[in-house]
Structures are given as C-alpha cells and as structure tokens.
Amino acid sequence: MVLLVSVGSAAEYTILPSNNVEREPGTPMAGETVQEIDPIPLWLFLLLCTFPQLTAAPMETLLPLKAVGYLGYKRIYRKNALESPRRFEIFNFIRINPGLHFRELLRKTSIARGTLNYHIRRMESDGLLKAVPEKGRIHYFTADSQYSTEEETLIIAMESDSLRKIVTQIYLNQSARTEELAEGLGLSKATIYTHVKHLENLGVVRSERMGRSVRYSLTDDYSRVLMKHINNNTEPVRVLAKNAG
C-alpha cells in the first residue's frame, strides 16, 4: 500500500454498499473515467516481507523500485489481457471487422460507450490493438494482423459506401471520366470530384487529363491489392468483390 497510494489522513471513514454489483468491470457509474490499479508484483511483496524496514524508507527512495515493479508486471499482464470476456469479445470483433472507427464499433457492438472506450484504451496500451488515424477518426486493427499499409488504407476507404462505389466503378471501367462516374452512381459531379480527390490524396487513384476531361484509374499498387483480395474473396472487401465479380 505504501508503494501504490498517496499518504493521507482522515478523521473517520464511511463505507457504503457498492452500486457496481453485477456490472462489467470498468463501467463508469456517473460518466467518470475508470482507471485500473495494477496490484503489487509478487516479487516486490516478498521483498517487503523479507526486508520490512523498506516500508519505513522515504517515498522518494522507493519510487524507482515502484517503477521497476510496474514494468515487470506489465509484461505479465499483457499475456492475460484477454481473460476478460468482454475485452476478448471486442478484440475478436475487431479481428473479424478490421478498420472500423470508434463510432462504428459502438453502433455495431451495442456496448456502452464508457465500457467500449475503456477496453479499447486498455488493449491499445497493452499493444493488442493498432490505431490508424484517418480524416479525424481513429480506425482499429488487431496488432497481429498481417495487412500492409496499402491494405489498411483500402479497407478503411471501403467503409464508406460512396468511396466503395467509386473504387468499384473505376476498377470495372479504367480511365473512367467524372461524368461517367456521376451518371453511373447517381451522384453530382461535385461529390464525385471531392471523393476522387480524397482517393487521389491517399494514393488509391490517379488522374490524367485528356483534352477537356479528366480520367481516373487505380494506381498499380492498389490495383494489385484489390485484385489479391478479390481473388481470395477476403472479408474486408467482400462487397467490392461481389460487385466486381
């Protein structure tokens, strides 16, 4: 306790029944931030039992020892991080549905916002999840996934219906013009231009001006990635594979 909490004093203590009975650990009660407290490592407990005089040492002298204890425990805790059923459920959902951002995870899992945020932060800090920022949103992949940077970018883009339809149309009709994309998808030219410009900035699409019109095609890298997933009929781009097939 000397190593884990600040020294304090009180005239009296009041003990009340817990309101968190039968709730998932980490669930906030009134919107507060929940923080897990790591227990003292076994080796440090045994050390204090063997040399009890260490408990009387000034706090400043014990801080380095405390830090070493936390670091040693962290390596052990990462192996046990998925023992929580709810945490394993979220991890497995992200493995099956890679690239989703927080709001999509919140909508599709129907888990309370505070609980979902707590478990994602915990898995992220333990190195179980990889966070990929994109247009102000954070998209999540499991850290052990074998996706390349191009695959992650394509998977994230495929979350948007409009981007997925545009990529599909360009894949099926290389050198498609803005007018052809707008007519085929039922979108305005301005909308097509905005989305295609975003895909161009990501490196998915390249443009080529021919006279008064601009034609769009997939870059070589993303053409190969897309072909690989279509041939394997993999989950992240299954909708595109179905449309293109």
C-alpha atoms as a PDB file:
ATOM      1  CA  MET A   1       0.000   0.000   0.000  1.00  0.00           C
ATOM      2  CA  VAL A   2       2.909   2.348   0.688  1.00  0.00           C
ATOM      3  CA  LEU A   3       4.028   1.906  -2.916  1.00  0.00           C
ATOM      4  CA  LEU A   4       0.616   2.230  -4.540  1.00  0.00           C
ATOM      5  CA  VAL A   5      -1.273   5.083  -2.865  1.00  0.00           C
ATOM      6  CA  SER A   6      -0.503   8.550  -1.591  1.00  0.00           C
ATOM      7  CA  VAL A   7      -0.212   9.096   2.142  1.00  0.00           C
ATOM      8  CA  GLY A   8      -3.349  10.687   3.597  1.00  0.00           C
ATOM      9  CA  SER A   9      -5.229  11.053   6.843  1.00  0.00           C
ATOM     10  CA  ALA A  10      -8.898  11.255   7.791  1.00  0.00           C
ATOM     11  CA  ALA A  11     -10.883  11.661  10.975  1.00  0.00           C
ATOM     12  CA  GLU A  12     -13.314   8.901  10.016  1.00  0.00           C
ATOM     13  CA  TYR A  13     -14.314   6.619   7.128  1.00  0.00           C
ATOM     14  CA  THR A  14     -17.772   5.818   5.771  1.00  0.00           C
ATOM     15  CA  ILE A  15     -18.273   2.519   3.964  1.00  0.00           C
ATOM     16  CA  LEU A  16     -21.262   2.246   1.606  1.00  0.00           C
ATOM     17  CA  PRO A  17     -22.573  -0.730  -0.417  1.00  0.00           C
ATOM     18  CA  SER A  18     -21.242  -0.843  -3.975  1.00  0.00           C
ATOM     19  CA  ASN A  19     -23.518   0.294  -6.824  1.00  0.00           C
ATOM     20  CA  ASN A  20     -21.437  -1.649  -9.345  1.00  0.00           C
ATOM     21  CA  VAL A  21     -22.738  -5.122  -8.441  1.00  0.00           C
ATOM     22  CA  GLU A  22     -23.113  -7.452 -11.472  1.00  0.00           C
ATOM     23  CA  ARG A  23     -21.724  -4.801 -13.828  1.00  0.00           C
ATOM     24  CA  GLU A  24     -18.798  -5.222 -16.191  1.00  0.00           C
ATOM     25  CA  PRO A  25     -15.518  -4.158 -14.534  1.00  0.00           C
ATOM     26  CA  GLY A  26     -14.501  -0.761 -15.841  1.00  0.00           C
ATOM     27  CA  THR A  27     -18.075   0.515 -16.293  1.00  0.00           C
ATOM     28  CA  PRO A  28     -18.307   4.184 -15.176  1.00  0.00           C
ATOM     29  CA  MET A  29     -21.078   4.945 -12.697  1.00  0.00           C
ATOM     30  CA  ALA A  30     -21.621   8.644 -13.464  1.00  0.00           C
ATOM     31  CA  GLY A  31     -19.545   9.431 -16.546  1.00  0.00           C
ATOM     32  CA  GLU A  32     -16.247   9.360 -14.648  1.00  0.00           C
ATOM     33  CA  THR A  33     -13.018   7.985 -16.109  1.00  0.00           C
ATOM     34  CA  VAL A  34     -12.276   4.500 -14.800  1.00  0.00           C
ATOM     35  CA  GLN A  35      -8.637   3.580 -14.165  1.00  0.00           C
ATOM     36  CA  GLU A  36      -7.417   0.119 -13.271  1.00  0.00           C
ATOM     37  CA  ILE A  37      -4.878  -0.102 -10.443  1.00  0.00           C
ATOM     38  CA  ASP A  38      -2.275  -2.766 -11.045  1.00  0.00           C
ATOM     39  CA  PRO A  39      -1.630  -4.934  -7.974  1.00  0.00           C
ATOM     40  CA  ILE A  40       1.804  -5.023  -6.398  1.00  0.00           C
ATOM     41  CA  PRO A  41       4.019  -7.678  -8.069  1.00  0.00           C
ATOM     42  CA  LEU A  42       4.583 -10.863  -6.109  1.00  0.00           C
ATOM     43  CA  TRP A  43       8.362 -10.450  -6.076  1.00  0.00           C
ATOM     44  CA  LEU A  44       8.027  -6.958  -4.574  1.00  0.00           C
ATOM     45  CA  PHE A  45       5.615  -8.242  -1.920  1.00  0.00           C
ATOM     46  CA  LEU A  46       8.076 -10.983  -0.941  1.00  0.00           C
ATOM     47  CA  LEU A  47      10.905  -8.449  -0.862  1.00  0.00           C
ATOM     48  CA  LEU A  48       8.982  -6.242   1.575  1.00  0.00           C
ATOM     49  CA  CYS A  49       8.130  -9.240   3.735  1.00  0.00           C
ATOM     50  CA  THR A  50      11.812 -10.201   3.864  1.00  0.00           C
ATOM     51  CA  PHE A  51      13.028  -6.650   4.498  1.00  0.00           C
ATOM     52  CA  PRO A  52      10.129  -4.885   6.293  1.00  0.00           C
ATOM     53  CA  GLN A  53      12.387  -1.920   7.060  1.00  0.00           C
ATOM     54  CA  LEU A  54      11.938  -0.857   3.407  1.00  0.00           C
ATOM     55  CA  THR A  55       8.357   0.157   4.217  1.00  0.00           C
ATOM     56  CA  ALA A  56       9.719   2.843   6.542  1.00  0.00           C
ATOM     57  CA  ALA A  57      12.005   4.334   3.887  1.00  0.00           C
ATOM     58  CA  PRO A  58      11.118   7.754   2.429  1.00  0.00           C
ATOM     59  CA  MET A  59       8.726   7.586  -0.546  1.00  0.00           C
ATOM     60  CA  GLU A  60      11.241   9.275  -2.865  1.00  0.00           C
ATOM     61  CA  THR A  61      13.710   6.444  -2.428  1.00  0.00           C
ATOM     62  CA  LEU A  62      11.085   3.830  -3.294  1.00  0.00           C
ATOM     63  CA  LEU A  63       9.798   5.431  -6.500  1.00  0.00           C
ATOM     64  CA  PRO A  64      12.428   3.787  -8.770  1.00  0.00           C
ATOM     65  CA  LEU A  65      11.618   0.426  -7.193  1.00  0.00           C
ATOM     66  CA  LYS A  66       7.937   1.070  -7.785  1.00  0.00           C
ATOM     67  CA  ALA A  67       8.561   1.869 -11.466  1.00  0.00           C
ATOM     68  CA  VAL A  68      10.557  -1.338 -11.960  1.00  0.00           C
ATOM     69  CA  GLY A  69       7.735  -3.294 -10.350  1.00  0.00           C
ATOM     70  CA  TYR A  70       5.155  -1.825 -12.716  1.00  0.00           C
ATOM     71  CA  LEU A  71       7.312  -2.518 -15.766  1.00  0.00           C
ATOM     72  CA  GLY A  72       7.863  -6.093 -14.732  1.00  0.00           C
ATOM     73  CA  TYR A  73       4.158  -6.644 -14.091  1.00  0.00           C
ATOM     74  CA  LYS A  74       3.148  -5.073 -17.422  1.00  0.00           C
ATOM     75  CA  ARG A  75       4.856  -7.800 -19.413  1.00  0.00           C
ATOM     76  CA  ILE A  76       2.959 -10.435 -17.478  1.00  0.00           C
ATOM     77  CA  TYR A  77      -0.358  -8.596 -17.678  1.00  0.00           C
ATOM     78  CA  ARG A  78      -0.282  -8.322 -21.473  1.00  0.00           C
ATOM     79  CA  LYS A  79      -0.452 -12.106 -21.691  1.00  0.00           C
ATOM     80  CA  ASN A  80      -3.578 -12.114 -19.538  1.00  0.00           C
ATOM     81  CA  ALA A  81      -5.243  -9.042 -21.030  1.00  0.00           C
ATOM     82  CA  LEU A  82      -7.840 -11.038 -22.976  1.00  0.00           C
ATOM     83  CA  GLU A  83      -9.013 -13.065 -19.999  1.00  0.00           C
ATOM     84  CA  SER A  84     -11.848 -10.564 -19.613  1.00  0.00           C
ATOM     85  CA  PRO A  85     -14.809 -11.985 -21.633  1.00  0.00           C
ATOM     86  CA  ARG A  86     -15.968  -8.538 -22.748  1.00  0.00           C
ATOM     87  CA  ARG A  87     -12.462  -7.484 -23.765  1.00  0.00           C
ATOM     88  CA  PHE A  88     -11.999 -10.711 -25.738  1.00  0.00           C
ATOM     89  CA  GLU A  89     -15.369 -10.121 -27.427  1.00  0.00           C
ATOM     90  CA  ILE A  90     -14.307  -6.643 -28.584  1.00  0.00           C
ATOM     91  CA  PHE A  91     -10.878  -7.859 -29.699  1.00  0.00           C
ATOM     92  CA  ASN A  92     -12.390 -10.709 -31.716  1.00  0.00           C
ATOM     93  CA  PHE A  93     -14.952  -8.369 -33.307  1.00  0.00           C
ATOM     94  CA  ILE A  94     -12.172  -6.029 -34.459  1.00  0.00           C
ATOM     95  CA  ARG A  95     -10.221  -9.002 -35.814  1.00  0.00           C
ATOM     96  CA  ILE A  96     -13.223 -10.045 -37.929  1.00  0.00           C
ATOM     97  CA  ASN A  97     -14.147  -6.444 -38.862  1.00  0.00           C
ATOM     98  CA  PRO A  98     -10.820  -4.607 -39.247  1.00  0.00           C
ATOM     99  CA  GLY A  99     -10.608  -0.879 -39.853  1.00  0.00           C
ATOM    100  CA  LEU A 100     -13.771   0.238 -38.043  1.00  0.00           C
ATOM    101  CA  HIS A 101     -13.649   3.517 -36.164  1.00  0.00           C
ATOM    102  CA  PHE A 102     -14.981   4.007 -32.635  1.00  0.00           C
ATOM    103  CA  ARG A 103     -18.492   5.175 -33.552  1.00  0.00           C
ATOM    104  CA  GLU A 104     -18.949   2.226 -35.904  1.00  0.00           C
ATOM    105  CA  LEU A 105     -17.763  -0.158 -33.198  1.00  0.00           C
ATOM    106  CA  LEU A 106     -20.161   1.496 -30.773  1.00  0.00           C
ATOM    107  CA  ARG A 107     -23.065   1.080 -33.193  1.00  0.00           C
ATOM    108  CA  LYS A 108     -22.321  -2.484 -34.274  1.00  0.00           C
ATOM    109  CA  THR A 109     -21.415  -3.976 -30.893  1.00  0.00           C
ATOM    110  CA  SER A 110     -24.118  -2.221 -28.826  1.00  0.00           C
ATOM    111  CA  ILE A 111     -21.663  -1.967 -25.920  1.00  0.00           C
ATOM    112  CA  ALA A 112     -21.910   1.023 -23.586  1.00  0.00           C
ATOM    113  CA  ARG A 113     -19.673   3.897 -24.688  1.00  0.00           C
ATOM    114  CA  GLY A 114     -17.700   4.058 -21.439  1.00  0.00           C
ATOM    115  CA  THR A 115     -17.134   0.293 -21.359  1.00  0.00           C
ATOM    116  CA  LEU A 116     -16.078   0.152 -25.017  1.00  0.00           C
ATOM    117  CA  ASN A 117     -13.733   3.117 -24.651  1.00  0.00           C
ATOM    118  CA  TYR A 118     -12.174   1.634 -21.503  1.00  0.00           C
ATOM    119  CA  HIS A 119     -11.436  -1.765 -23.053  1.00  0.00           C
ATOM    120  CA  ILE A 120     -10.125  -0.304 -26.322  1.00  0.00           C
ATOM    121  CA  ARG A 121      -7.762   2.020 -24.445  1.00  0.00           C
ATOM    122  CA  ARG A 122      -6.605  -0.871 -22.303  1.00  0.00           C
ATOM    123  CA  MET A 123      -5.904  -3.116 -25.306  1.00  0.00           C
ATOM    124  CA  GLU A 124      -4.216  -0.256 -27.135  1.00  0.00           C
ATOM    125  CA  SER A 125      -1.897   0.443 -24.201  1.00  0.00           C
ATOM    126  CA  ASP A 126      -1.112  -3.291 -23.921  1.00  0.00           C
ATOM    127  CA  GLY A 127      -0.139  -3.404 -27.597  1.00  0.00           C
ATOM    128  CA  LEU A 128      -3.048  -5.625 -28.672  1.00  0.00           C
ATOM    129  CA  LEU A 129      -4.647  -3.065 -30.993  1.00  0.00           C
ATOM    130  CA  LYS A 130      -3.214  -0.837 -33.713  1.00  0.00           C
ATOM    131  CA  ALA A 131      -4.796   2.611 -34.155  1.00  0.00           C
ATOM    132  CA  VAL A 132      -4.732   4.167 -37.645  1.00  0.00           C
ATOM    133  CA  PRO A 133      -5.825   7.835 -37.897  1.00  0.00           C
ATOM    134  CA  GLU A 134      -7.781   8.859 -40.996  1.00  0.00           C
ATOM    135  CA  LYS A 135      -9.708  12.128 -41.575  1.00  0.00           C
ATOM    136  CA  GLY A 136     -10.055  12.889 -37.872  1.00  0.00           C
ATOM    137  CA  ARG A 137     -11.132   9.358 -36.954  1.00  0.00           C
ATOM    138  CA  ILE A 138      -9.195   6.505 -35.370  1.00  0.00           C
ATOM    139  CA  HIS A 139      -9.597   3.115 -37.050  1.00  0.00           C
ATOM    140  CA  TYR A 140      -8.611  -0.061 -35.254  1.00  0.00           C
ATOM    141  CA  PHE A 141      -6.827  -3.232 -36.359  1.00  0.00           C
ATOM    142  CA  THR A 142      -5.539  -6.074 -34.215  1.00  0.00           C
ATOM    143  CA  ALA A 143      -1.796  -5.717 -33.706  1.00  0.00           C
ATOM    144  CA  ASP A 144      -1.145  -9.223 -35.032  1.00  0.00           C
ATOM    145  CA  SER A 145      -2.903  -8.585 -38.367  1.00  0.00           C
ATOM    146  CA  GLN A 146      -0.728  -9.014 -41.455  1.00  0.00           C
ATOM    147  CA  TYR A 147      -2.227  -6.173 -43.515  1.00  0.00           C
ATOM    148  CA  SER A 148       0.142  -3.910 -45.414  1.00  0.00           C
ATOM    149  CA  THR A 149      -0.219  -0.119 -45.287  1.00  0.00           C
ATOM    150  CA  GLU A 150      -1.964  -0.191 -48.682  1.00  0.00           C
ATOM    151  CA  GLU A 151      -4.393  -2.868 -47.475  1.00  0.00           C
ATOM    152  CA  GLU A 152      -5.213  -0.884 -44.329  1.00  0.00           C
ATOM    153  CA  THR A 153      -5.846   2.244 -46.408  1.00  0.00           C
ATOM    154  CA  LEU A 154      -8.109   0.345 -48.809  1.00  0.00           C
ATOM    155  CA  ILE A 155     -10.006  -1.393 -46.001  1.00  0.00           C
ATOM    156  CA  ILE A 156     -10.686   1.948 -44.308  1.00  0.00           C
ATOM    157  CA  ALA A 157     -11.811   3.533 -47.603  1.00  0.00           C
ATOM    158  CA  MET A 158     -14.209   0.634 -48.211  1.00  0.00           C
ATOM    159  CA  GLU A 159     -16.147   1.569 -45.061  1.00  0.00           C
ATOM    160  CA  SER A 160     -17.679   4.485 -46.965  1.00  0.00           C
ATOM    161  CA  ASP A 161     -20.449   3.471 -49.375  1.00  0.00           C
ATOM    162  CA  SER A 162     -19.624   6.329 -51.751  1.00  0.00           C
ATOM    163  CA  LEU A 163     -15.890   5.603 -51.830  1.00  0.00           C
ATOM    164  CA  ARG A 164     -16.512   1.888 -52.245  1.00  0.00           C
ATOM    165  CA  LYS A 165     -18.852   2.508 -55.207  1.00  0.00           C
ATOM    166  CA  ILE A 166     -16.385   4.892 -56.831  1.00  0.00           C
ATOM    167  CA  VAL A 167     -13.474   2.468 -56.439  1.00  0.00           C
ATOM    168  CA  THR A 168     -15.679  -0.318 -57.824  1.00  0.00           C
ATOM    169  CA  GLN A 169     -16.676   1.785 -60.829  1.00  0.00           C
ATOM    170  CA  ILE A 170     -13.086   2.782 -61.563  1.00  0.00           C
ATOM    171  CA  TYR A 171     -11.954  -0.840 -61.158  1.00  0.00           C
ATOM    172  CA  LEU A 172     -14.580  -2.032 -63.641  1.00  0.00           C
ATOM    173  CA  ASN A 173     -14.025   0.873 -66.016  1.00  0.00           C
ATOM    174  CA  GLN A 174     -10.393   2.006 -66.003  1.00  0.00           C
ATOM    175  CA  SER A 175      -9.903   5.564 -67.265  1.00  0.00           C
ATOM    176  CA  ALA A 176     -13.434   6.490 -66.196  1.00  0.00           C
ATOM    177  CA  ARG A 177     -14.361  10.148 -66.558  1.00  0.00           C
ATOM    178  CA  THR A 178     -16.018  12.293 -63.881  1.00  0.00           C
ATOM    179  CA  GLU A 179     -19.202  12.466 -65.963  1.00  0.00           C
ATOM    180  CA  GLU A 180     -19.321   8.680 -66.317  1.00  0.00           C
ATOM    181  CA  LEU A 181     -18.847   8.159 -62.583  1.00  0.00           C
ATOM    182  CA  ALA A 182     -21.554  10.724 -61.747  1.00  0.00           C
ATOM    183  CA  GLU A 183     -24.036   9.175 -64.194  1.00  0.00           C
ATOM    184  CA  GLY A 184     -23.290   5.591 -63.195  1.00  0.00           C
ATOM    185  CA  LEU A 185     -23.526   6.236 -59.434  1.00  0.00           C
ATOM    186  CA  GLY A 186     -26.258   8.859 -59.420  1.00  0.00           C
ATOM    187  CA  LEU A 187     -24.066  11.430 -57.677  1.00  0.00           C
ATOM    188  CA  SER A 188     -23.292  15.016 -58.577  1.00  0.00           C
ATOM    189  CA  LYS A 189     -20.053  15.889 -60.334  1.00  0.00           C
ATOM    190  CA  ALA A 190     -19.017  17.988 -57.335  1.00  0.00           C
ATOM    191  CA  THR A 191     -19.498  14.999 -54.992  1.00  0.00           C
ATOM    192  CA  ILE A 192     -17.572  12.713 -57.336  1.00  0.00           C
ATOM    193  CA  TYR A 193     -14.749  15.243 -57.575  1.00  0.00           C
ATOM    194  CA  THR A 194     -14.486  15.574 -53.775  1.00  0.00           C
ATOM    195  CA  HIS A 195     -14.391  11.815 -53.192  1.00  0.00           C
ATOM    196  CA  VAL A 196     -12.000  11.109 -56.049  1.00  0.00           C
ATOM    197  CA  LYS A 197      -9.692  13.882 -54.840  1.00  0.00           C
ATOM    198  CA  HIS A 198      -9.583  12.209 -51.437  1.00  0.00           C
ATOM    199  CA  LEU A 199      -8.779   8.833 -53.032  1.00  0.00           C
ATOM    200  CA  GLU A 200      -6.105  10.529 -55.102  1.00  0.00           C
ATOM    201  CA  ASN A 201      -4.527  12.028 -51.971  1.00  0.00           C
ATOM    202  CA  LEU A 202      -4.490   8.552 -50.404  1.00  0.00           C
ATOM    203  CA  GLY A 203      -2.670   7.221 -53.449  1.00  0.00           C
ATOM    204  CA  VAL A 204      -5.517   4.861 -54.424  1.00  0.00           C
ATOM    205  CA  VAL A 205      -6.477   6.701 -57.617  1.00  0.00           C
ATOM    206  CA  ARG A 206      -4.503   8.643 -60.199  1.00  0.00           C
ATOM    207  CA  SER A 207      -5.896  11.219 -62.633  1.00  0.00           C
ATOM    208  CA  GLU A 208      -4.951  12.012 -66.210  1.00  0.00           C
ATOM    209  CA  ARG A 209      -6.243  14.969 -68.200  1.00  0.00           C
ATOM    210  CA  MET A 210      -7.267  14.174 -71.753  1.00  0.00           C
ATOM    211  CA  GLY A 211      -8.478  17.280 -73.564  1.00  0.00           C
ATOM    212  CA  ARG A 212     -11.318  18.809 -71.566  1.00  0.00           C
ATOM    213  CA  SER A 213     -11.980  15.740 -69.459  1.00  0.00           C
ATOM    214  CA  VAL A 214     -10.118  14.061 -66.602  1.00  0.00           C
ATOM    215  CA  ARG A 215      -9.899  10.284 -66.483  1.00  0.00           C
ATOM    216  CA  TYR A 216      -9.291   8.262 -63.347  1.00  0.00           C
ATOM    217  CA  SER A 217      -7.715   4.849 -62.833  1.00  0.00           C
ATOM    218  CA  LEU A 218      -6.402   2.852 -59.877  1.00  0.00           C
ATOM    219  CA  THR A 219      -2.695   3.099 -59.130  1.00  0.00           C
ATOM    220  CA  ASP A 220      -0.626  -0.026 -59.722  1.00  0.00           C
ATOM    221  CA  ASP A 221      -0.108  -0.768 -56.014  1.00  0.00           C
ATOM    222  CA  TYR A 222      -3.792  -0.611 -55.188  1.00  0.00           C
ATOM    223  CA  SER A 223      -4.777  -2.499 -58.313  1.00  0.00           C
ATOM    224  CA  ARG A 224      -2.613  -5.383 -57.107  1.00  0.00           C
ATOM    225  CA  VAL A 225      -4.017  -5.177 -53.565  1.00  0.00           C
ATOM    226  CA  LEU A 226      -7.575  -5.095 -54.856  1.00  0.00           C
ATOM    227  CA  MET A 227      -7.012  -7.993 -57.220  1.00  0.00           C
ATOM    228  CA  LYS A 228      -5.470 -10.036 -54.406  1.00  0.00           C
ATOM    229  CA  HIS A 229      -8.491  -9.556 -52.141  1.00  0.00           C
ATOM    230  CA  ILE A 230     -10.981 -10.155 -54.932  1.00  0.00           C
ATOM    231  CA  ASN A 231      -9.272 -13.398 -55.944  1.00  0.00           C
ATOM    232  CA  ASN A 232      -9.175 -14.546 -52.317  1.00  0.00           C
ATOM    233  CA  ASN A 233     -12.691 -13.205 -51.649  1.00  0.00           C
ATOM    234  CA  THR A 234     -11.484 -11.826 -48.311  1.00  0.00           C
ATOM    235  CA  GLU A 235     -13.799 -10.237 -45.783  1.00  0.00           C
ATOM    236  CA  PRO A 236     -12.616  -6.570 -45.808  1.00  0.00           C
ATOM    237  CA  VAL A 237     -13.539  -6.005 -49.465  1.00  0.00           C
ATOM    238  CA  ARG A 238     -16.219  -8.691 -49.903  1.00  0.00           C
ATOM    239  CA  VAL A 239     -18.770  -6.128 -51.129  1.00  0.00           C
ATOM    240  CA  LEU A 240     -16.428  -4.882 -53.823  1.00  0.00           C
ATOM    241  CA  ALA A 241     -15.537  -8.434 -54.818  1.00  0.00           C
ATOM    242  CA  LYS A 242     -19.242  -9.243 -55.157  1.00  0.00           C
ATOM    243  CA  ASN A 243     -19.873  -6.159 -57.318  1.00  0.00           C
ATOM    244  CA  ALA A 244     -16.802  -6.745 -59.441  1.00  0.00           C
ATOM    245  CA  GLY A 245     -17.357 -10.458 -59.811  1.00  0.00           C
END
